[in-house]
């Protein structure tokens, strides 16, 4: 595998070693009883800003939804697939999260696309413009 993939595989091995071999008591309740996070974090997909790393969260602490520009789409029940809306609904109704945090970051390419799009600049993409224009 490429060095990038090998680094990810090493991370999986480290996770397995920590949470399955050395400290199974930390993960076992989550496997046996399921998750019950108190917080939903809606964050950007940006590779520089991972909510679990930034908040020093442990497995089971936060339910995370990531998308371009950490946007929350308006409520539309039209029977189409809406991933962010489905995740929010699941977190609030099924998991019972008590807090919802929209976590932004500086120099966000998605927010820049929103600014460019609203300023009339054509984005030349099939999905970004409709996403940020909501």
Protein backbone atom coordinates (compact mmCIF):
# COMPACT_ATOMS: atom_id res chain seq x y z
CA UNK A 1 0.00 0.00 0.00
CA UNK A 2 0.94 3.63 -0.36
CA UNK A 3 2.54 5.44 2.61
CA UNK A 4 -0.75 7.28 3.24
CA UNK A 5 -2.72 4.02 3.42
CA UNK A 6 -0.03 2.34 5.51
CA UNK A 7 -0.23 5.23 8.01
CA UNK A 8 -4.00 4.71 8.30
CA UNK A 9 -3.56 0.96 8.75
CA UNK A 10 -1.00 1.60 11.50
CA UNK A 11 -3.60 3.81 13.17
CA UNK A 12 -6.18 1.02 13.03
CA UNK A 13 -3.64 -1.39 14.51
CA UNK A 14 -2.92 1.09 17.30
CA UNK A 15 -6.63 1.55 18.01
CA UNK A 16 -7.12 -2.21 18.13
CA UNK A 17 -4.13 -2.64 20.45
CA UNK A 18 -5.34 0.08 22.84
CA UNK A 19 -9.06 -0.64 22.91
CA UNK A 20 -9.19 -4.39 22.33
CA UNK A 21 -5.96 -5.73 23.77
CA UNK A 22 -4.81 -3.34 26.52
CA UNK A 23 -7.99 -1.57 27.68
CA UNK A 24 -11.04 -3.55 26.50
CA UNK A 25 -13.10 -2.23 29.41
CA UNK A 26 -13.20 1.19 27.70
CA UNK A 27 -14.86 -0.08 24.50
CA UNK A 28 -16.76 -3.17 25.66
CA UNK A 29 -19.76 -1.25 27.11
CA UNK A 30 -20.14 0.62 23.81
CA UNK A 31 -20.16 -2.65 21.90
CA UNK A 32 -22.54 -4.40 24.30
CA UNK A 33 -24.98 -1.56 25.11
CA UNK A 34 -24.53 0.78 22.18
CA UNK A 35 -23.78 4.47 22.12
CA UNK A 36 -25.38 7.24 24.16
CA UNK A 37 -23.40 10.41 23.45
CA UNK A 38 -24.62 13.63 25.02
CA UNK A 39 -23.29 15.79 22.19
CA UNK A 40 -23.86 15.98 18.44
CA UNK A 41 -21.12 17.84 16.58
CA UNK A 42 -21.78 19.07 13.04
CA UNK A 43 -18.39 19.76 11.54
CA UNK A 44 -16.68 20.36 8.24
CA UNK A 45 -15.16 17.51 6.25
CA UNK A 46 -11.85 19.41 6.20
CA UNK A 47 -8.91 17.11 6.88
CA UNK A 48 -7.27 19.67 9.18
CA UNK A 49 -10.09 19.77 11.72
CA UNK A 50 -11.28 16.51 13.26
CA UNK A 51 -13.83 17.05 16.06
CA UNK A 52 -12.68 14.01 18.05
CA UNK A 53 -9.07 15.16 17.98
CA UNK A 54 -9.86 18.83 18.70
CA UNK A 55 -12.07 17.95 21.68
CA UNK A 56 -9.90 15.06 22.89
CA UNK A 57 -13.02 12.89 22.79
CA UNK A 58 -13.01 9.21 23.62
CA UNK A 59 -15.03 6.60 21.70
CA UNK A 60 -18.70 7.14 22.50
CA UNK A 61 -18.35 10.76 23.65
CA UNK A 62 -19.63 12.57 20.56
CA UNK A 63 -21.83 11.76 17.59
CA UNK A 64 -20.28 13.48 14.58
CA UNK A 65 -21.78 14.62 11.28
CA UNK A 66 -19.29 15.99 8.79
CA UNK A 67 -20.00 17.69 5.50
CA UNK A 68 -18.56 20.45 3.34
CA UNK A 69 -18.72 23.74 5.28
CA UNK A 70 -20.49 22.19 8.32
CA UNK A 71 -23.86 23.18 6.91
CA UNK A 72 -27.24 22.26 8.36
CA UNK A 73 -29.77 21.94 5.54
CA UNK A 74 -33.28 23.28 5.96
CA UNK A 75 -36.01 20.82 6.92
CA UNK A 76 -37.50 19.29 3.78
CA UNK A 77 -39.48 16.05 4.07
CA UNK A 78 -39.74 15.17 0.39
CA UNK A 79 -38.72 11.52 0.50
CA UNK A 80 -35.28 12.08 -1.00
CA UNK A 81 -31.99 11.01 0.57
CA UNK A 82 -30.72 13.62 2.98
CA UNK A 83 -27.68 12.35 4.86
CA UNK A 84 -27.06 15.28 7.18
CA UNK A 85 -30.74 15.57 8.08
CA UNK A 86 -30.97 11.82 8.71
CA UNK A 87 -27.94 11.92 11.00
CA UNK A 88 -29.33 14.88 12.98
CA UNK A 89 -32.72 13.17 13.32
CA UNK A 90 -31.07 9.94 14.50
CA UNK A 91 -28.86 11.75 17.02
CA UNK A 92 -31.70 13.78 18.52
CA UNK A 93 -34.61 11.34 18.36
CA UNK A 94 -32.93 7.96 18.76
CA UNK A 95 -29.76 8.69 20.71
CA UNK A 96 -31.23 11.53 22.77
CA UNK A 97 -28.28 13.91 22.46
CA UNK A 98 -28.70 16.95 24.70
CA UNK A 99 -26.37 19.37 22.94
CA UNK A 100 -25.83 20.26 19.28
CA UNK A 101 -22.63 22.06 18.32
CA UNK A 102 -21.89 23.42 14.85
CA UNK A 103 -18.11 23.48 14.71
CA UNK A 104 -16.56 25.75 12.10
CA UNK A 105 -12.94 26.52 11.35
CA UNK A 106 -10.81 29.13 9.64
CA UNK A 107 -9.96 29.14 5.94
CA UNK A 108 -12.85 26.83 5.06
CA UNK A 109 -12.99 26.05 1.34
CA UNK A 110 -16.72 25.29 1.57
CA UNK A 111 -17.48 28.66 3.13
CA UNK A 112 -15.30 30.32 0.47
CA UNK A 113 -17.37 28.52 -2.18
CA UNK A 114 -20.51 29.87 -0.51
CA UNK A 115 -19.11 33.40 -0.59
CA UNK A 116 -18.02 33.02 -4.22
CA UNK A 117 -21.37 31.53 -5.24
CA UNK A 118 -23.45 34.23 -3.55
CA UNK A 119 -21.15 36.80 -5.17
CA UNK A 120 -22.06 35.46 -8.60
CA UNK A 121 -18.84 33.59 -9.32
CA UNK A 122 -19.55 30.34 -11.22
CA UNK A 123 -18.08 27.38 -9.36
CA UNK A 124 -18.01 24.98 -12.30
CA UNK A 125 -18.94 21.98 -10.18
CA UNK A 126 -21.94 19.69 -10.10
CA UNK A 127 -22.53 19.39 -6.37
CA UNK A 128 -20.79 22.20 -4.44
CA UNK A 129 -22.87 25.10 -5.77
CA UNK A 130 -26.25 23.52 -4.96
CA UNK A 131 -24.96 22.43 -1.55
CA UNK A 132 -23.66 25.82 -0.45
CA UNK A 133 -26.59 27.71 -1.99
CA UNK A 134 -29.09 26.11 0.38
